[in-house]
Amino acid sequence: MQQACEIGSQSAASRRLSRQIQRKHPHAYDPKAYKGRNLIERMFCRLKDFRRIATRYDKRADIFLSTILLAAALTWWIN
């Protein structure tokens, strides 16, 4: 019971942090790759704001591609 109270008193963040410190093979972190991946994920999020793209309204691939290009250009121009 005493041990359960001690474990419960620790925050979840501190337990997670202690597991990451004890990891034998830490995860590699490349800031440049992370920045590029984040940029692409944000662009997909902006494209999904267009309902026509998110629901795949156009049946033909060439029309769908042109809609994506138009939405990307519009998003780039606004921002």
Protein backbone atom coordinates (compact mmCIF):
# COMPACT_ATOMS: atom_id res chain seq x y z
CA MET A 1 0.00 0.00 0.00
CA GLN A 2 2.84 2.38 0.85
CA GLN A 3 4.51 1.74 -2.51
CA ALA A 4 1.23 2.36 -4.38
CA CYS A 5 0.84 5.73 -2.65
CA GLU A 6 4.39 6.70 -3.57
CA ILE A 7 3.88 5.73 -7.21
CA GLY A 8 0.57 7.56 -7.33
CA SER A 9 2.14 10.71 -5.95
CA GLN A 10 4.61 10.93 -8.84
CA SER A 11 3.33 12.75 -11.87
CA ALA A 12 3.00 10.88 -15.15
CA ALA A 13 5.47 13.26 -16.80
CA SER A 14 8.20 12.53 -14.28
CA ARG A 15 7.72 8.77 -14.68
CA ARG A 16 7.91 9.08 -18.46
CA LEU A 17 11.01 11.26 -18.21
CA SER A 18 12.74 8.73 -15.96
CA ARG A 19 12.01 5.95 -18.48
CA GLN A 20 13.52 8.02 -21.29
CA ILE A 21 16.67 8.69 -19.28
CA GLN A 22 17.08 4.98 -18.53
CA ARG A 23 16.70 3.97 -22.18
CA LYS A 24 19.68 1.93 -23.40
CA HIS A 25 19.54 3.17 -26.99
CA PRO A 26 18.15 6.73 -27.07
CA HIS A 27 16.17 7.78 -30.12
CA ALA A 28 18.07 9.80 -32.69
CA TYR A 29 16.81 13.33 -33.20
CA ASP A 30 17.55 15.26 -36.36
CA PRO A 31 16.26 18.85 -36.02
CA LYS A 32 16.51 19.53 -39.76
CA ALA A 33 14.48 16.43 -40.70
CA TYR A 34 11.93 17.17 -37.96
CA LYS A 35 11.48 20.73 -39.23
CA GLY A 36 10.90 19.49 -42.78
CA ARG A 37 8.45 16.80 -41.69
CA ASN A 38 6.57 19.31 -39.56
CA LEU A 39 6.30 21.69 -42.53
CA ILE A 40 4.83 18.94 -44.73
CA GLU A 41 2.36 17.85 -42.02
CA ARG A 42 1.15 21.43 -41.60
CA MET A 43 0.64 21.74 -45.36
CA PHE A 44 -1.47 18.55 -45.44
CA CYS A 45 -3.51 19.95 -42.55
CA ARG A 46 -4.14 23.15 -44.50
CA LEU A 47 -5.11 21.17 -47.60
CA LYS A 48 -7.62 19.15 -45.59
CA ASP A 49 -9.36 22.40 -44.66
CA PHE A 50 -10.71 22.36 -48.21
CA ARG A 51 -13.75 20.11 -48.03
CA ARG A 52 -13.47 19.03 -51.66
CA ILE A 53 -9.99 17.61 -51.04
CA ALA A 54 -10.73 16.07 -47.64
CA THR A 55 -13.72 14.11 -48.97
CA ARG A 56 -12.09 13.23 -52.32
CA TYR A 57 -15.06 14.77 -54.12
CA ASP A 58 -13.50 14.53 -57.60
CA LYS A 59 -13.54 11.03 -59.07
CA ARG A 60 -10.91 11.51 -61.76
CA ALA A 61 -7.29 11.62 -60.64
CA ASP A 62 -6.27 14.48 -62.95
CA ILE A 63 -9.06 16.74 -61.70
CA PHE A 64 -8.25 15.81 -58.09
CA LEU A 65 -4.58 16.66 -58.65
CA SER A 66 -5.47 20.00 -60.21
CA THR A 67 -7.71 20.75 -57.20
CA ILE A 68 -4.84 19.96 -54.83
CA LEU A 69 -2.46 22.20 -56.81
CA LEU A 70 -4.99 25.01 -56.86
CA ALA A 71 -5.60 24.72 -53.10
CA ALA A 72 -1.84 24.61 -52.42
CA ALA A 73 -1.26 27.73 -54.52
CA LEU A 74 -4.15 29.51 -52.83
CA THR A 75 -2.85 28.55 -49.38
CA TRP A 76 0.67 29.72 -50.28
CA TRP A 77 -0.66 33.01 -51.67
CA ILE A 78 -2.80 33.75 -48.58
CA ASN A 79 -0.03 32.96 -46.10
